[in-house]
């Protein structure tokens, strides 16, 4: 398990601080140090965060090459632009279970915020060129907990055939890579940089992950946006991914 502290498109220090806390609780190896957070455009963050994004993809690649199941902890979702293409290269039949309050399916043409983290899944699916490759078929993405989506983003999600998880039993026999942005939790319980009301309770998340692990073959996971002073809650919630 690797905890990546370097900056990709973090707009504050909470993600890195929460990631460090969670890493120390779980005994993860810590890589990098937090960079200066600021509110940049997606072009600036893609350029300035390139080293950190390369490190994220490289860590996942190294784990697969060594025959390990990669678990990456990171400050926010932008790491997916480099990690998911690596996952697909090693597991061409993989499905990505996208647990997130947001679709992160914007492109340079549809983004309202200009935030790289809100464009990362679309980039990994090849809807725009991130410079880190793509290869993920949107029809192999299964979302759960997504409840904050921009208008243009919704059109793309529907057009590309991204699924919604109705029952973990539908994952039976599949290879699954879990992307978990912890803003999928209810912001009344767990603080988020971009809060969206109506999320999961941590107990419900743990139960869901347990059902997923029982039904499918989990080939790896990335966990992002852990909040400071909430590490023990998250360590318990994600325990089924680490069993």
Protein backbone atom coordinates (compact mmCIF):
# COMPACT_ATOMS: atom_id res chain seq x y z
CA UNK A 1 0.00 0.00 0.00
CA UNK A 2 1.32 3.40 -1.07
CA UNK A 3 0.29 6.84 0.16
CA UNK A 4 1.06 9.60 -2.31
CA UNK A 5 1.36 13.04 -0.72
CA UNK A 6 2.58 15.12 -3.65
CA UNK A 7 0.24 17.65 -5.24
CA UNK A 8 -1.77 17.00 -8.40
CA UNK A 9 -4.67 19.49 -8.40
CA UNK A 10 -5.26 19.84 -4.66
CA UNK A 11 -6.88 23.15 -3.78
CA UNK A 12 -6.11 22.82 -0.08
CA UNK A 13 -3.90 20.82 2.29
CA UNK A 14 -6.64 18.69 3.82
CA UNK A 15 -6.29 15.87 1.28
CA UNK A 16 -2.57 15.40 1.89
CA UNK A 17 -3.00 15.71 5.66
CA UNK A 18 -5.84 13.19 5.70
CA UNK A 19 -3.90 10.83 3.45
CA UNK A 20 -0.88 10.94 5.75
CA UNK A 21 -3.04 10.22 8.79
CA UNK A 22 -4.73 7.28 7.08
CA UNK A 23 -1.39 5.98 5.82
CA UNK A 24 0.07 5.99 9.32
CA UNK A 25 -2.94 4.11 10.67
CA UNK A 26 -2.74 1.48 7.93
CA UNK A 27 1.04 1.19 7.80
CA UNK A 28 1.25 2.37 4.19
CA UNK A 29 4.53 3.49 2.66
CA UNK A 30 4.50 7.26 2.23
CA UNK A 31 5.85 8.72 -1.01
CA UNK A 32 6.44 12.40 -1.70
CA UNK A 33 5.62 15.50 0.27
CA UNK A 34 2.74 17.98 -0.05
CA UNK A 35 3.25 20.72 -2.55
CA UNK A 36 1.88 24.21 -2.20
CA UNK A 37 -1.86 24.02 -2.80
CA UNK A 38 -3.59 26.60 -4.96
CA UNK A 39 -6.51 27.00 -7.33
CA UNK A 40 -5.11 26.44 -10.79
CA UNK A 41 -6.65 25.76 -14.17
CA UNK A 42 -6.76 22.18 -15.39
CA UNK A 43 -3.97 22.96 -17.88
CA UNK A 44 -1.74 24.33 -15.12
CA UNK A 45 -2.42 21.42 -12.80
CA UNK A 46 -1.86 18.86 -15.54
CA UNK A 47 1.51 20.47 -16.25
CA UNK A 48 2.61 21.21 -12.69
CA UNK A 49 1.34 17.91 -11.30
CA UNK A 50 2.88 15.78 -14.04
CA UNK A 51 5.60 14.33 -11.82
CA UNK A 52 3.10 13.33 -9.15
CA UNK A 53 0.71 11.84 -11.73
CA UNK A 54 3.56 9.84 -13.26
CA UNK A 55 4.43 8.59 -9.78
CA UNK A 56 0.83 7.48 -9.19
CA UNK A 57 0.70 5.47 -12.41
CA UNK A 58 4.20 4.13 -11.82
CA UNK A 59 3.35 2.86 -8.35
CA UNK A 60 0.32 0.98 -9.66
CA UNK A 61 2.37 -0.43 -12.54
CA UNK A 62 5.14 -1.57 -10.18
CA UNK A 63 2.65 -3.35 -7.95
CA UNK A 64 1.10 -5.24 -10.86
CA UNK A 65 4.52 -6.17 -12.24
CA UNK A 66 5.46 -7.57 -8.83
CA UNK A 67 2.28 -9.62 -8.63
CA UNK A 68 0.78 -7.47 -5.86
CA UNK A 69 -2.67 -5.93 -5.55
CA UNK A 70 -2.10 -2.17 -5.68
CA UNK A 71 -3.78 0.05 -3.10
CA UNK A 72 -3.03 3.73 -3.61
CA UNK A 73 -3.96 6.47 -1.15
CA UNK A 74 -3.94 10.01 -2.57
CA UNK A 75 -5.14 13.50 -1.81
CA UNK A 76 -7.62 13.77 -4.66
CA UNK A 77 -9.01 12.15 -7.79
CA UNK A 78 -6.74 13.51 -10.50
CA UNK A 79 -4.46 10.48 -10.04
CA UNK A 80 -7.02 8.50 -12.07
CA UNK A 81 -5.75 10.04 -15.31
CA UNK A 82 -2.55 8.02 -14.93
CA UNK A 83 -3.61 5.05 -12.79
CA UNK A 84 -6.63 3.80 -14.73
CA UNK A 85 -4.81 3.44 -18.09
CA UNK A 86 -2.21 1.31 -16.26
CA UNK A 87 -4.94 -0.84 -14.69
CA UNK A 88 -6.50 -1.49 -18.11
CA UNK A 89 -3.14 -2.38 -19.62
CA UNK A 90 -2.60 -5.08 -16.99
CA UNK A 91 -6.25 -6.19 -16.82
CA UNK A 92 -7.93 -5.57 -20.19
CA UNK A 93 -11.26 -7.01 -19.01
CA UNK A 94 -11.40 -4.98 -15.81
CA UNK A 95 -14.43 -3.00 -14.70
CA UNK A 96 -13.90 0.19 -12.71
CA UNK A 97 -16.26 0.66 -9.78
CA UNK A 98 -16.46 4.44 -9.42
CA UNK A 99 -17.54 5.35 -5.87
CA UNK A 100 -17.70 9.12 -5.82
CA UNK A 101 -20.12 11.97 -5.23
CA UNK A 102 -19.13 13.30 -8.66
CA UNK A 103 -18.96 11.80 -12.12
CA UNK A 104 -15.59 13.44 -12.91
CA UNK A 105 -16.64 13.03 -16.54
CA UNK A 106 -16.13 16.57 -17.77
CA UNK A 107 -13.88 17.49 -20.67
CA UNK A 108 -12.17 20.79 -21.53
CA UNK A 109 -15.30 21.62 -23.53
CA UNK A 110 -17.86 20.88 -20.78
CA UNK A 111 -16.10 21.78 -17.54
CA UNK A 112 -17.64 24.63 -15.59
CA UNK A 113 -15.08 24.72 -12.78
CA UNK A 114 -11.92 24.10 -14.79
CA UNK A 115 -10.91 21.59 -12.13
CA UNK A 116 -8.71 18.71 -13.29
CA UNK A 117 -10.16 16.38 -10.66
CA UNK A 118 -13.57 16.79 -12.28
CA UNK A 119 -12.22 15.58 -15.63
CA UNK A 120 -10.10 12.59 -14.67
CA UNK A 121 -12.47 9.71 -15.47
CA UNK A 122 -13.31 11.21 -18.85
CA UNK A 123 -9.61 11.48 -19.58
CA UNK A 124 -8.93 7.85 -18.68
CA UNK A 125 -11.81 6.92 -21.00
CA UNK A 126 -10.26 8.86 -23.88
CA UNK A 127 -12.80 11.69 -24.11
CA UNK A 128 -9.89 14.13 -24.01
CA UNK A 129 -6.11 13.80 -24.25
CA UNK A 130 -4.44 13.95 -20.85
CA UNK A 131 -1.02 12.92 -22.11
CA UNK A 132 -1.14 9.80 -19.91
CA UNK A 133 -3.00 7.50 -22.27
CA UNK A 134 -6.51 6.15 -21.94
CA UNK A 135 -7.91 2.75 -22.89
CA UNK A 136 -10.78 2.47 -20.41
CA UNK A 137 -14.07 1.69 -22.16
CA UNK A 138 -16.75 3.87 -20.53
CA UNK A 139 -19.15 0.94 -20.77
CA UNK A 140 -16.88 -0.85 -18.29
CA UNK A 141 -17.33 1.88 -15.69
CA UNK A 142 -19.91 1.23 -12.96
CA UNK A 143 -20.80 4.16 -10.73
CA UNK A 144 -22.35 4.31 -7.28
CA UNK A 145 -23.05 7.31 -5.07
CA UNK A 146 -22.68 9.84 -7.89
CA UNK A 147 -25.14 12.66 -7.21
CA UNK A 148 -23.48 15.89 -8.37
CA UNK A 149 -23.13 16.06 -12.16
CA UNK A 150 -22.88 19.02 -14.54
CA UNK A 151 -25.31 19.20 -17.46
CA UNK A 152 -22.74 18.53 -20.19
CA UNK A 153 -21.17 15.82 -18.08
CA UNK A 154 -24.56 14.07 -17.75
CA UNK A 155 -24.94 14.00 -21.53
CA UNK A 156 -21.52 12.36 -21.89
CA UNK A 157 -22.20 9.78 -19.16
CA UNK A 158 -25.46 8.75 -20.81
CA UNK A 159 -24.06 8.78 -24.35
CA UNK A 160 -21.04 6.67 -23.39
CA UNK A 161 -23.08 4.01 -21.60
CA UNK A 162 -21.63 4.35 -18.11
CA UNK A 163 -23.53 1.99 -15.80
CA UNK A 164 -24.94 2.54 -12.34
CA UNK A 165 -24.56 -0.11 -9.67
CA UNK A 166 -27.93 -1.43 -8.53
CA UNK A 167 -26.82 -4.57 -6.70
CA UNK A 168 -23.26 -5.77 -5.92
CA UNK A 169 -24.39 -9.22 -7.08
CA UNK A 170 -24.24 -7.89 -10.65
CA UNK A 171 -20.43 -7.80 -10.24
CA UNK A 172 -20.21 -11.57 -9.72
CA UNK A 173 -17.18 -13.08 -11.41
CA UNK A 174 -15.86 -9.74 -12.69
CA UNK A 175 -12.43 -8.23 -12.22
CA UNK A 176 -12.97 -4.94 -10.40
CA UNK A 177 -10.70 -1.99 -9.72
CA UNK A 178 -12.23 0.24 -7.04
CA UNK A 179 -11.92 4.01 -7.27
CA UNK A 180 -13.11 5.43 -3.96
CA UNK A 181 -13.36 9.18 -3.50
CA UNK A 182 -14.41 9.59 0.11
CA UNK A 183 -16.74 12.45 -0.77
CA UNK A 184 -19.12 9.61 -1.63
CA UNK A 185 -19.86 9.74 2.11
CA UNK A 186 -22.45 12.10 3.53
CA UNK A 187 -20.77 15.48 4.20
CA UNK A 188 -22.71 15.74 7.45
CA UNK A 189 -20.54 12.88 8.71
CA UNK A 190 -17.36 13.23 6.68
CA UNK A 191 -15.99 16.62 5.49
CA UNK A 192 -15.41 17.05 1.78
CA UNK A 193 -13.74 19.69 -0.36
CA UNK A 194 -16.70 19.57 -2.74
CA UNK A 195 -19.61 18.42 -0.55
CA UNK A 196 -22.74 16.91 -2.05
CA UNK A 197 -25.64 16.15 0.32
CA UNK A 198 -27.15 12.70 0.56
CA UNK A 199 -24.09 10.46 0.60
CA UNK A 200 -23.40 7.11 2.23
CA UNK A 201 -22.86 6.45 5.91
CA UNK A 202 -19.41 4.92 6.61
CA UNK A 203 -21.12 1.73 7.84
CA UNK A 204 -23.02 1.48 4.56
CA UNK A 205 -19.75 1.97 2.64
CA UNK A 206 -18.10 -0.83 4.59
CA UNK A 207 -21.05 -3.13 3.91
CA UNK A 208 -20.99 -2.26 0.20
CA UNK A 209 -17.26 -2.92 -0.10
CA UNK A 210 -17.70 -6.21 1.71
CA UNK A 211 -20.36 -7.28 -0.77
CA UNK A 212 -18.20 -6.19 -3.70
CA UNK A 213 -15.19 -8.11 -2.39
CA UNK A 214 -17.35 -11.21 -1.90
CA UNK A 215 -18.88 -11.05 -5.38
CA UNK A 216 -15.96 -9.95 -7.53
CA UNK A 217 -12.21 -10.27 -7.88
CA UNK A 218 -10.80 -6.94 -6.67
CA UNK A 219 -7.57 -6.36 -8.58
CA UNK A 220 -6.72 -3.07 -6.89
CA UNK A 221 -8.01 0.18 -5.45
CA UNK A 222 -7.33 3.86 -5.06
CA UNK A 223 -8.70 5.83 -2.12
CA UNK A 224 -8.72 9.62 -2.32
CA UNK A 225 -9.79 12.69 -0.33
CA UNK A 226 -9.43 11.40 3.21
CA UNK A 227 -10.16 14.17 5.71
CA UNK A 228 -7.90 14.95 8.68
CA UNK A 229 -9.03 13.59 12.06
CA UNK A 230 -11.24 10.99 10.36
CA UNK A 231 -8.66 8.32 9.64
CA UNK A 232 -10.05 5.68 12.00
CA UNK A 233 -13.52 6.00 10.49
CA UNK A 234 -12.08 5.45 7.01
CA UNK A 235 -9.73 2.65 8.05
CA UNK A 236 -12.75 0.76 9.34
CA UNK A 237 -14.92 1.56 6.29
CA UNK A 238 -12.35 0.34 3.75
CA UNK A 239 -11.28 -2.74 5.68
CA UNK A 240 -12.98 -5.13 3.18
CA UNK A 241 -10.66 -3.77 0.44
CA UNK A 242 -7.60 -4.62 2.50
CA UNK A 243 -8.57 -8.11 3.69
